[in-house]
C-alpha atoms as a PDB file:
ATOM      1  CA  UNK A   1      87.911 125.388 176.028  1.00  0.00           C
ATOM      2  CA  UNK A   2      90.491 122.452 174.915  1.00  0.00           C
ATOM      3  CA  UNK A   3      87.676 120.880 173.194  1.00  0.00           C
ATOM      4  CA  UNK A   4      86.972 123.717 171.136  1.00  0.00           C
ATOM      5  CA  UNK A   5      90.442 124.325 170.137  1.00  0.00           C
ATOM      6  CA  UNK A   6      90.210 122.493 167.327  1.00  0.00           C
ATOM      7  CA  UNK A   7      87.157 124.712 165.818  1.00  0.00           C
ATOM      8  CA  UNK A   8      89.250 127.572 166.219  1.00  0.00           C
ATOM      9  CA  UNK A   9      92.151 126.170 164.102  1.00  0.00           C
ATOM     10  CA  UNK A  10      89.549 125.219 161.073  1.00  0.00           C
ATOM     11  CA  UNK A  11      88.354 128.600 161.550  1.00  0.00           C
ATOM     12  CA  UNK A  12      91.875 129.897 161.061  1.00  0.00           C
ATOM     13  CA  UNK A  13      92.876 127.811 158.449  1.00  0.00           C
ATOM     14  CA  UNK A  14      89.674 128.527 156.371  1.00  0.00           C
ATOM     15  CA  UNK A  15      90.479 132.391 156.890  1.00  0.00           C
ATOM     16  CA  UNK A  16      94.181 131.841 155.384  1.00  0.00           C
ATOM     17  CA  UNK A  17      92.861 130.496 152.140  1.00  0.00           C
ATOM     18  CA  UNK A  18      90.408 132.797 151.606  1.00  0.00           C
ATOM     19  CA  UNK A  19      92.280 135.629 152.273  1.00  0.00           C
ATOM     20  CA  UNK A  20      94.649 133.706 149.619  1.00  0.00           C
ATOM     21  CA  UNK A  21      91.996 133.503 146.975  1.00  0.00           C
ATOM     22  CA  UNK A  22      91.301 137.475 147.458  1.00  0.00           C
ATOM     23  CA  UNK A  23      94.850 138.157 147.046  1.00  0.00           C
ATOM     24  CA  UNK A  24      95.540 136.214 143.856  1.00  0.00           C
ATOM     25  CA  UNK A  25      91.882 137.966 142.336  1.00  0.00           C
ATOM     26  CA  UNK A  26      93.391 140.918 143.160  1.00  0.00           C
ATOM     27  CA  UNK A  27      96.882 140.155 141.524  1.00  0.00           C
ATOM     28  CA  UNK A  28      95.232 139.184 138.482  1.00  0.00           C
ATOM     29  CA  UNK A  29      93.122 142.281 138.198  1.00  0.00           C
ATOM     30  CA  UNK A  30      96.268 144.491 138.610  1.00  0.00           C
ATOM     31  CA  UNK A  31      98.133 142.485 135.767  1.00  0.00           C
ATOM     32  CA  UNK A  32      95.918 143.192 132.439  1.00  0.00           C
ATOM     33  CA  UNK A  33      97.747 140.509 130.389  1.00  0.00           C
ATOM     34  CA  UNK A  34      97.177 137.982 133.074  1.00  0.00           C
ATOM     35  CA  UNK A  35      93.424 138.888 132.668  1.00  0.00           C
ATOM     36  CA  UNK A  36      93.563 139.027 129.005  1.00  0.00           C
ATOM     37  CA  UNK A  37      95.167 135.432 128.900  1.00  0.00           C
ATOM     38  CA  UNK A  38      92.784 133.692 131.215  1.00  0.00           C
ATOM     39  CA  UNK A  39      89.963 135.327 129.058  1.00  0.00           C
ATOM     40  CA  UNK A  40      91.252 133.518 125.917  1.00  0.00           C
ATOM     41  CA  UNK A  41      91.883 130.130 127.953  1.00  0.00           C
ATOM     42  CA  UNK A  42      87.547 130.672 128.744  1.00  0.00           C
ATOM     43  CA  UNK A  43      86.968 131.219 125.099  1.00  0.00           C
ATOM     44  CA  UNK A  44      88.609 128.364 123.942  1.00  0.00           C
ATOM     45  CA  UNK A  45      87.047 126.013 125.995  1.00  0.00           C
ATOM     46  CA  UNK A  46      83.426 127.216 125.094  1.00  0.00           C
ATOM     47  CA  UNK A  47      81.966 124.697 122.771  1.00  0.00           C
ATOM     48  CA  UNK A  48      81.272 125.407 118.878  1.00  0.00           C
ATOM     49  CA  UNK A  49      77.502 125.649 118.515  1.00  0.00           C
ATOM     50  CA  UNK A  50      76.202 122.828 116.178  1.00  0.00           C
ATOM     51  CA  UNK A  51      74.705 125.247 113.782  1.00  0.00           C
ATOM     52  CA  UNK A  52      78.143 126.351 112.838  1.00  0.00           C
ATOM     53  CA  UNK A  53      79.535 122.742 112.405  1.00  0.00           C
ATOM     54  CA  UNK A  54      76.323 122.119 109.689  1.00  0.00           C
ATOM     55  CA  UNK A  55      77.114 125.189 107.965  1.00  0.00           C
ATOM     56  CA  UNK A  56      80.806 124.652 107.587  1.00  0.00           C
ATOM     57  CA  UNK A  57      80.023 120.929 106.453  1.00  0.00           C
ATOM     58  CA  UNK A  58      77.183 122.343 103.874  1.00  0.00           C
ATOM     59  CA  UNK A  59      79.669 124.814 102.433  1.00  0.00           C
ATOM     60  CA  UNK A  60      82.575 122.050 102.270  1.00  0.00           C
ATOM     61  CA  UNK A  61      79.949 119.434 100.434  1.00  0.00           C
ATOM     62  CA  UNK A  62      78.675 122.153  97.964  1.00  0.00           C
ATOM     63  CA  UNK A  63      82.301 122.853  96.942  1.00  0.00           C
ATOM     64  CA  UNK A  64      82.900 119.074  96.316  1.00  0.00           C
ATOM     65  CA  UNK A  65      79.658 118.737  94.157  1.00  0.00           C
ATOM     66  CA  UNK A  66      81.127 121.884  92.274  1.00  0.00           C
ATOM     67  CA  UNK A  67      84.585 120.834  91.790  1.00  0.00           C
ATOM     68  CA  UNK A  68      83.273 117.080  90.623  1.00  0.00           C
ATOM     69  CA  UNK A  69      80.864 118.613  88.252  1.00  0.00           C
ATOM     70  CA  UNK A  70      83.693 120.511  86.610  1.00  0.00           C
ATOM     71  CA  UNK A  71      85.818 117.251  86.191  1.00  0.00           C
ATOM     72  CA  UNK A  72      82.693 115.258  84.624  1.00  0.00           C
ATOM     73  CA  UNK A  73      82.061 118.208  82.454  1.00  0.00           C
ATOM     74  CA  UNK A  74      85.669 118.479  81.168  1.00  0.00           C
ATOM     75  CA  UNK A  75      86.080 114.568  81.234  1.00  0.00           C
ATOM     76  CA  UNK A  76      89.733 112.938  80.815  1.00  0.00           C
ATOM     77  CA  UNK A  77      89.791 113.512  77.065  1.00  0.00           C
ATOM     78  CA  UNK A  78      89.525 117.132  76.933  1.00  0.00           C
ATOM     79  CA  UNK A  79      87.489 120.143  77.687  1.00  0.00           C
ATOM     80  CA  UNK A  80      86.154 121.588  74.431  1.00  0.00           C
ATOM     81  CA  UNK A  81      82.934 119.829  72.820  1.00  0.00           C
ATOM     82  CA  UNK A  82      83.381 118.202  69.335  1.00  0.00           C
ATOM     83  CA  UNK A  83      81.387 120.186  66.758  1.00  0.00           C
ATOM     84  CA  UNK A  84      82.951 118.720  63.296  1.00  0.00           C
ATOM     85  CA  UNK A  85      80.483 117.689  60.800  1.00  0.00           C
ATOM     86  CA  UNK A  86      82.022 114.576  59.032  1.00  0.00           C
ATOM     87  CA  UNK A  87      78.236 113.203  57.704  1.00  0.00           C
ATOM     88  CA  UNK A  88      78.322 112.587  53.954  1.00  0.00           C
ATOM     89  CA  UNK A  89      81.155 111.472  51.434  1.00  0.00           C
ATOM     90  CA  UNK A  90      85.056 111.982  51.363  1.00  0.00           C
ATOM     91  CA  UNK A  91      87.528 111.377  49.218  1.00  0.00           C
ATOM     92  CA  UNK A  92      91.110 110.192  51.453  1.00  0.00           C
ATOM     93  CA  UNK A  93      94.387 110.817  50.415  1.00  0.00           C
ATOM     94  CA  UNK A  94      98.026 109.609  51.995  1.00  0.00           C
ATOM     95  CA  UNK A  95     100.027 112.670  51.924  1.00  0.00           C
ATOM     96  CA  UNK A  96     102.927 110.614  51.369  1.00  0.00           C
ATOM     97  CA  UNK A  97     101.982 107.702  49.334  1.00  0.00           C
ATOM     98  CA  UNK A  98      98.845 109.445  47.522  1.00  0.00           C
ATOM     99  CA  UNK A  99      97.139 106.350  48.337  1.00  0.00           C
ATOM    100  CA  UNK A 100      93.015 107.163  47.265  1.00  0.00           C
ATOM    101  CA  UNK A 101      90.229 105.934  49.215  1.00  0.00           C
ATOM    102  CA  UNK A 102      86.421 106.918  49.651  1.00  0.00           C
ATOM    103  CA  UNK A 103      84.930 107.157  52.728  1.00  0.00           C
ATOM    104  CA  UNK A 104      81.061 107.672  52.962  1.00  0.00           C
ATOM    105  CA  UNK A 105      79.540 108.387  57.096  1.00  0.00           C
ATOM    106  CA  UNK A 106      76.072 107.760  57.026  1.00  0.00           C
ATOM    107  CA  UNK A 107      74.361 107.876  60.785  1.00  0.00           C
ATOM    108  CA  UNK A 108      76.836 105.514  62.477  1.00  0.00           C
ATOM    109  CA  UNK A 109      77.655 103.414  59.480  1.00  0.00           C
ATOM    110  CA  UNK A 110      80.836 103.954  57.267  1.00  0.00           C
ATOM    111  CA  UNK A 111      81.411 102.460  53.912  1.00  0.00           C
ATOM    112  CA  UNK A 112      85.121 102.488  52.836  1.00  0.00           C
ATOM    113  CA  UNK A 113      85.616 101.934  48.726  1.00  0.00           C
ATOM    114  CA  UNK A 114      81.881 101.107  48.759  1.00  0.00           C
ATOM    115  CA  UNK A 115      82.179  98.284  51.337  1.00  0.00           C
ATOM    116  CA  UNK A 116      79.450  99.144  54.152  1.00  0.00           C
ATOM    117  CA  UNK A 117      81.104  97.038  57.021  1.00  0.00           C
ATOM    118  CA  UNK A 118      82.050  99.537  59.614  1.00  0.00           C
ATOM    119  CA  UNK A 119      80.287 101.350  62.330  1.00  0.00           C
ATOM    120  CA  UNK A 120      81.479 104.631  63.753  1.00  0.00           C
ATOM    121  CA  UNK A 121      80.835 106.954  66.607  1.00  0.00           C
ATOM    122  CA  UNK A 122      82.046 110.912  67.017  1.00  0.00           C
ATOM    123  CA  UNK A 123      83.529 111.438  70.563  1.00  0.00           C
ATOM    124  CA  UNK A 124      81.753 114.207  72.437  1.00  0.00           C
ATOM    125  CA  UNK A 125      84.595 115.908  73.520  1.00  0.00           C
ATOM    126  CA  UNK A 126      88.165 116.866  71.373  1.00  0.00           C
ATOM    127  CA  UNK A 127      91.075 115.369  73.223  1.00  0.00           C
ATOM    128  CA  UNK A 128      93.634 117.662  74.758  1.00  0.00           C
ATOM    129  CA  UNK A 129      95.591 117.832  71.601  1.00  0.00           C
ATOM    130  CA  UNK A 130      92.491 119.113  69.869  1.00  0.00           C
ATOM    131  CA  UNK A 131      91.733 116.185  67.989  1.00  0.00           C
ATOM    132  CA  UNK A 132      88.113 115.095  67.317  1.00  0.00           C
ATOM    133  CA  UNK A 133      88.436 111.388  67.638  1.00  0.00           C
ATOM    134  CA  UNK A 134      86.294 109.260  65.681  1.00  0.00           C
ATOM    135  CA  UNK A 135      86.057 105.767  67.127  1.00  0.00           C
ATOM    136  CA  UNK A 136      85.302 102.619  64.279  1.00  0.00           C
ATOM    137  CA  UNK A 137      84.701  99.139  64.775  1.00  0.00           C
ATOM    138  CA  UNK A 138      85.864  97.294  61.389  1.00  0.00           C
ATOM    139  CA  UNK A 139      84.294  94.079  59.862  1.00  0.00           C
ATOM    140  CA  UNK A 140      86.693  91.602  62.141  1.00  0.00           C
ATOM    141  CA  UNK A 141      85.596  93.307  65.259  1.00  0.00           C
ATOM    142  CA  UNK A 142      88.622  95.273  66.040  1.00  0.00           C
ATOM    143  CA  UNK A 143      88.596  98.710  66.725  1.00  0.00           C
ATOM    144  CA  UNK A 144      90.579 101.366  64.829  1.00  0.00           C
ATOM    145  CA  UNK A 145      90.393 105.324  65.052  1.00  0.00           C
ATOM    146  CA  UNK A 146      90.792 108.546  63.467  1.00  0.00           C
ATOM    147  CA  UNK A 147      92.176 111.868  64.754  1.00  0.00           C
ATOM    148  CA  UNK A 148      90.630 114.427  62.753  1.00  0.00           C
ATOM    149  CA  UNK A 149      91.749 118.141  62.850  1.00  0.00           C
ATOM    150  CA  UNK A 150      90.475 120.952  60.557  1.00  0.00           C
ATOM    151  CA  UNK A 151      86.920 122.141  59.359  1.00  0.00           C
ATOM    152  CA  UNK A 152      84.639 122.529  56.400  1.00  0.00           C
ATOM    153  CA  UNK A 153      85.338 120.355  53.736  1.00  0.00           C
ATOM    154  CA  UNK A 154      89.127 119.890  54.122  1.00  0.00           C
ATOM    155  CA  UNK A 155      90.445 117.877  57.389  1.00  0.00           C
ATOM    156  CA  UNK A 156      93.702 115.858  58.056  1.00  0.00           C
ATOM    157  CA  UNK A 157      93.769 112.762  60.294  1.00  0.00           C
ATOM    158  CA  UNK A 158      95.958 110.517  61.779  1.00  0.00           C
ATOM    159  CA  UNK A 159      94.815 106.443  61.986  1.00  0.00           C
ATOM    160  CA  UNK A 160      95.205 104.648  65.267  1.00  0.00           C
ATOM    161  CA  UNK A 161      95.143 100.818  64.984  1.00  0.00           C
ATOM    162  CA  UNK A 162      96.318  97.946  66.945  1.00  0.00           C
ATOM    163  CA  UNK A 163      99.263  99.104  69.746  1.00  0.00           C
ATOM    164  CA  UNK A 164      99.180 102.844  68.695  1.00  0.00           C
ATOM    165  CA  UNK A 165      95.361 102.595  69.467  1.00  0.00           C
ATOM    166  CA  UNK A 166      95.815 100.880  72.650  1.00  0.00           C
ATOM    167  CA  UNK A 167      98.591 103.212  73.440  1.00  0.00           C
ATOM    168  CA  UNK A 168      96.210 106.080  73.121  1.00  0.00           C
ATOM    169  CA  UNK A 169      93.615 105.210  74.983  1.00  0.00           C
ATOM    170  CA  UNK A 170      95.880 104.531  77.642  1.00  0.00           C
ATOM    171  CA  UNK A 171      97.743 107.496  78.167  1.00  0.00           C
ATOM    172  CA  UNK A 172      96.848 109.955  75.001  1.00  0.00           C
ATOM    173  CA  UNK A 173     100.127 109.351  73.242  1.00  0.00           C
ATOM    174  CA  UNK A 174      99.487 110.582  69.621  1.00  0.00           C
ATOM    175  CA  UNK A 175     101.375 108.368  67.087  1.00  0.00           C
ATOM    176  CA  UNK A 176     103.835 109.500  64.427  1.00  0.00           C
ATOM    177  CA  UNK A 177     102.798 108.569  60.858  1.00  0.00           C
ATOM    178  CA  UNK A 178     101.457 109.132  57.471  1.00  0.00           C
ATOM    179  CA  UNK A 179      98.663 111.668  57.714  1.00  0.00           C
ATOM    180  CA  UNK A 180      95.734 111.253  55.672  1.00  0.00           C
ATOM    181  CA  UNK A 181      93.972 114.536  53.697  1.00  0.00           C
ATOM    182  CA  UNK A 182      90.110 114.429  53.528  1.00  0.00           C
ATOM    183  CA  UNK A 183      88.501 116.439  51.172  1.00  0.00           C
ATOM    184  CA  UNK A 184      84.620 116.317  50.690  1.00  0.00           C
ATOM    185  CA  UNK A 185      83.677 114.864  47.358  1.00  0.00           C
ATOM    186  CA  UNK A 186      81.894 117.364  45.926  1.00  0.00           C
ATOM    187  CA  UNK A 187      80.033 115.173  43.447  1.00  0.00           C
ATOM    188  CA  UNK A 188      78.636 113.331  46.505  1.00  0.00           C
ATOM    189  CA  UNK A 189      75.336 112.590  47.690  1.00  0.00           C
ATOM    190  CA  UNK A 190      74.695 114.138  50.975  1.00  0.00           C
ATOM    191  CA  UNK A 191      71.579 112.016  51.752  1.00  0.00           C
ATOM    192  CA  UNK A 192      68.878 110.012  49.933  1.00  0.00           C
ATOM    193  CA  UNK A 193      66.274 112.971  50.266  1.00  0.00           C
ATOM    194  CA  UNK A 194      68.647 114.924  47.986  1.00  0.00           C
ATOM    195  CA  UNK A 195      68.055 112.069  45.076  1.00  0.00           C
ATOM    196  CA  UNK A 196      64.689 111.563  46.132  1.00  0.00           C
ATOM    197  CA  UNK A 197      64.261 115.439  45.438  1.00  0.00           C
ATOM    198  CA  UNK A 198      66.018 115.343  41.752  1.00  0.00           C
ATOM    199  CA  UNK A 199      63.791 111.945  40.879  1.00  0.00           C
ATOM    200  CA  UNK A 200      60.624 113.812  41.574  1.00  0.00           C
ATOM    201  CA  UNK A 201      61.561 116.861  39.726  1.00  0.00           C
ATOM    202  CA  UNK A 202      62.448 115.210  36.911  1.00  0.00           C
ATOM    203  CA  UNK A 203      59.537 112.755  36.778  1.00  0.00           C
ATOM    204  CA  UNK A 204      57.105 116.066  37.531  1.00  0.00           C
ATOM    205  CA  UNK A 205      58.802 118.216  34.129  1.00  0.00           C
ATOM    206  CA  UNK A 206      56.168 117.534  31.409  1.00  0.00           C
ATOM    207  CA  UNK A 207      58.771 118.385  28.848  1.00  0.00           C
ATOM    208  CA  UNK A 208      60.406 115.050  29.734  1.00  0.00           C
ATOM    209  CA  UNK A 209      59.324 111.958  28.142  1.00  0.00           C
ATOM    210  CA  UNK A 210      59.711 109.858  31.477  1.00  0.00           C
ATOM    211  CA  UNK A 211      57.067 112.022  33.103  1.00  0.00           C
ATOM    212  CA  UNK A 212      54.752 109.942  31.045  1.00  0.00           C
ATOM    213  CA  UNK A 213      55.156 107.089  32.662  1.00  0.00           C
ATOM    214  CA  UNK A 214      54.226 107.776  36.433  1.00  0.00           C
ATOM    215  CA  UNK A 215      50.806 107.374  38.177  1.00  0.00           C
ATOM    216  CA  UNK A 216      51.304 109.609  40.707  1.00  0.00           C
ATOM    217  CA  UNK A 217      48.403 107.973  42.908  1.00  0.00           C
ATOM    218  CA  UNK A 218      50.572 104.901  43.365  1.00  0.00           C
ATOM    219  CA  UNK A 219      53.276 107.008  44.468  1.00  0.00           C
ATOM    220  CA  UNK A 220      54.476 107.587  48.276  1.00  0.00           C
ATOM    221  CA  UNK A 221      57.651 109.162  49.221  1.00  0.00           C
ATOM    222  CA  UNK A 222      58.005 107.168  52.050  1.00  0.00           C
ATOM    223  CA  UNK A 223      58.156 104.007  50.231  1.00  0.00           C
ATOM    224  CA  UNK A 224      62.060 105.049  49.101  1.00  0.00           C
ATOM    225  CA  UNK A 225      64.804 103.430  50.931  1.00  0.00           C
ATOM    226  CA  UNK A 226      68.849 103.478  50.493  1.00  0.00           C
ATOM    227  CA  UNK A 227      70.525 100.275  49.776  1.00  0.00           C
ATOM    228  CA  UNK A 228      73.825 100.289  51.383  1.00  0.00           C
ATOM    229  CA  UNK A 229      75.648  97.817  49.319  1.00  0.00           C
ATOM    230  CA  UNK A 230      75.934 100.258  45.946  1.00  0.00           C
ATOM    231  CA  UNK A 231      75.836 103.547  47.676  1.00  0.00           C
ATOM    232  CA  UNK A 232      78.956 105.235  48.590  1.00  0.00           C
ATOM    233  CA  UNK A 233      80.400 108.804  47.295  1.00  0.00           C
ATOM    234  CA  UNK A 234      79.054 109.873  44.056  1.00  0.00           C
ATOM    235  CA  UNK A 235      76.540 106.833  43.691  1.00  0.00           C
ATOM    236  CA  UNK A 236      73.261 106.611  45.633  1.00  0.00           C
ATOM    237  CA  UNK A 237      71.284 103.144  45.407  1.00  0.00           C
ATOM    238  CA  UNK A 238      67.356 103.226  46.106  1.00  0.00           C
ATOM    239  CA  UNK A 239      65.050 100.739  46.280  1.00  0.00           C
ATOM    240  CA  UNK A 240      61.031 101.738  45.817  1.00  0.00           C
ATOM    241  CA  UNK A 241      58.606  99.277  47.223  1.00  0.00           C
ATOM    242  CA  UNK A 242      55.046  99.253  45.498  1.00  0.00           C
ATOM    243  CA  UNK A 243      52.086 100.486  47.104  1.00  0.00           C
ATOM    244  CA  UNK A 244      50.859  97.096  47.434  1.00  0.00           C
ATOM    245  CA  UNK A 245      53.716  95.526  49.491  1.00  0.00           C
ATOM    246  CA  UNK A 246      54.549  93.191  46.877  1.00  0.00           C
ATOM    247  CA  UNK A 247      57.905  93.672  44.692  1.00  0.00           C
ATOM    248  CA  UNK A 248      59.449  96.805  43.957  1.00  0.00           C
ATOM    249  CA  UNK A 249      62.383  98.450  41.617  1.00  0.00           C
ATOM    250  CA  UNK A 250      65.743  99.617  41.897  1.00  0.00           C
ATOM    251  CA  UNK A 251      67.142 102.978  40.648  1.00  0.00           C
ATOM    252  CA  UNK A 252      70.677 104.189  40.846  1.00  0.00           C
ATOM    253  CA  UNK A 253      71.893 107.943  40.666  1.00  0.00           C
ATOM    254  CA  UNK A 254      75.587 108.673  39.548  1.00  0.00           C
ATOM    255  CA  UNK A 255      76.270 112.256  40.373  1.00  0.00           C
ATOM    256  CA  UNK A 256      79.359 114.041  37.686  1.00  0.00           C
ATOM    257  CA  UNK A 257      78.786 117.239  39.017  1.00  0.00           C
ATOM    258  CA  UNK A 258      76.156 119.608  37.168  1.00  0.00           C
ATOM    259  CA  UNK A 259      74.485 116.422  35.804  1.00  0.00           C
ATOM    260  CA  UNK A 260      73.591 113.385  37.104  1.00  0.00           C
ATOM    261  CA  UNK A 261      73.046 109.727  35.403  1.00  0.00           C
ATOM    262  CA  UNK A 262      70.011 108.133  36.581  1.00  0.00           C
ATOM    263  CA  UNK A 263      69.940 104.046  35.872  1.00  0.00           C
ATOM    264  CA  UNK A 264      66.024 102.437  36.070  1.00  0.00           C
ATOM    265  CA  UNK A 265      65.720  98.642  37.011  1.00  0.00           C
ATOM    266  CA  UNK A 266      62.087  97.492  36.663  1.00  0.00           C
ATOM    267  CA  UNK A 267      61.507  94.698  39.196  1.00  0.00           C
ATOM    268  CA  UNK A 268      63.357  93.476  41.938  1.00  0.00           C
ATOM    269  CA  UNK A 269      64.411  90.455  39.427  1.00  0.00           C
ATOM    270  CA  UNK A 270      66.228  92.607  37.187  1.00  0.00           C
ATOM    271  CA  UNK A 271      69.084  94.505  39.458  1.00  0.00           C
ATOM    272  CA  UNK A 272      71.634  94.371  38.630  1.00  0.00           C
ATOM    273  CA  UNK A 273      71.994  92.718  35.392  1.00  0.00           C
ATOM    274  CA  UNK A 274      68.847  93.958  33.516  1.00  0.00           C
ATOM    275  CA  UNK A 275      68.455  97.739  33.574  1.00  0.00           C
ATOM    276  CA  UNK A 276      65.522  99.236  31.727  1.00  0.00           C
ATOM    277  CA  UNK A 277      66.516 103.030  30.932  1.00  0.00           C
ATOM    278  CA  UNK A 278      69.055 105.318  31.669  1.00  0.00           C
ATOM    279  CA  UNK A 279      68.980 109.161  31.405  1.00  0.00           C
ATOM    280  CA  UNK A 280      71.196 111.951  31.886  1.00  0.00           C
ATOM    281  CA  UNK A 281      69.536 114.915  33.861  1.00  0.00           C
ATOM    282  CA  UNK A 282      70.205 118.635  34.734  1.00  0.00           C
ATOM    283  CA  UNK A 283      71.063 118.591  38.508  1.00  0.00           C
ATOM    284  CA  UNK A 284      69.688 122.172  38.785  1.00  0.00           C
ATOM    285  CA  UNK A 285      66.069 121.539  37.112  1.00  0.00           C
ATOM    286  CA  UNK A 286      65.873 118.392  36.341  1.00  0.00           C
ATOM    287  CA  UNK A 287      65.673 118.603  32.317  1.00  0.00           C
ATOM    288  CA  UNK A 288      66.586 115.252  30.647  1.00  0.00           C
ATOM    289  CA  UNK A 289      69.562 115.836  28.217  1.00  0.00           C
ATOM    290  CA  UNK A 290      70.264 112.712  27.061  1.00  0.00           C
ATOM    291  CA  UNK A 291      67.715 109.206  27.175  1.00  0.00           C
ATOM    292  CA  UNK A 292      68.884 105.675  26.288  1.00  0.00           C
ATOM    293  CA  UNK A 293      66.137 102.861  26.271  1.00  0.00           C
ATOM    294  CA  UNK A 294      68.264  99.460  27.833  1.00  0.00           C
ATOM    295  CA  UNK A 295      65.567  96.764  26.962  1.00  0.00           C
ATOM    296  CA  UNK A 296      66.146  96.916  23.138  1.00  0.00           C
END
């Protein structure tokens, strides 16, 4: 019996441990708050499914992309798209000093007082102050800019040069300075086509003497081109190339509102010193009201 005493001791110990477990389980079942706390611990220890993580990640990435897209659309300059049309001729006048100048914006090229040495670009968005920004590269390769406000045929501008240019494009500071008033030049030409339309109207009107000198079989409209030097505001200088490709002639149109003075130079070498004929026409119907032969 002595040799089995250790087995009896082990059995009794196991029974004591089992009994303790049953007692602890019973106490847990008797106390609902303990049972609930145990369930919460078990729930927190459960692994999160991979699918839920991917969904959360995708939603976050989509939100970031949408936010980035909105920021790109707004740009750092502003959120409103610039729709101001500045093409054509303008008369600019300093509000304080009254000094006037003529500006002609033509498809990215700018003439100031008939000097065609500038290029410009209109920024896509207005700045945060509501200005339409026009960047200009001057003939000395330095940058300047206009801050434009207004609509239609009347605008106001501030100029940005040197330090004020750098400061504005660094932190958006609008400079104090003289306001420049821009008014559309009512006598100006909006495009080459407008001048060519008038020339054709004049020479197709059989009541005009000049119509007798045109051989339409030698005429093609696309042989006209603008001569930039000499074109600005109320003056449009065009060159016509002969259909053969050799030689050509110049025609200058000067607008005086309802009437236009047209000067023709026969032959490339005749411009600008030796005009051949000058005539004044009604802008509305192309009727010649005055004509002068300059070769006599």
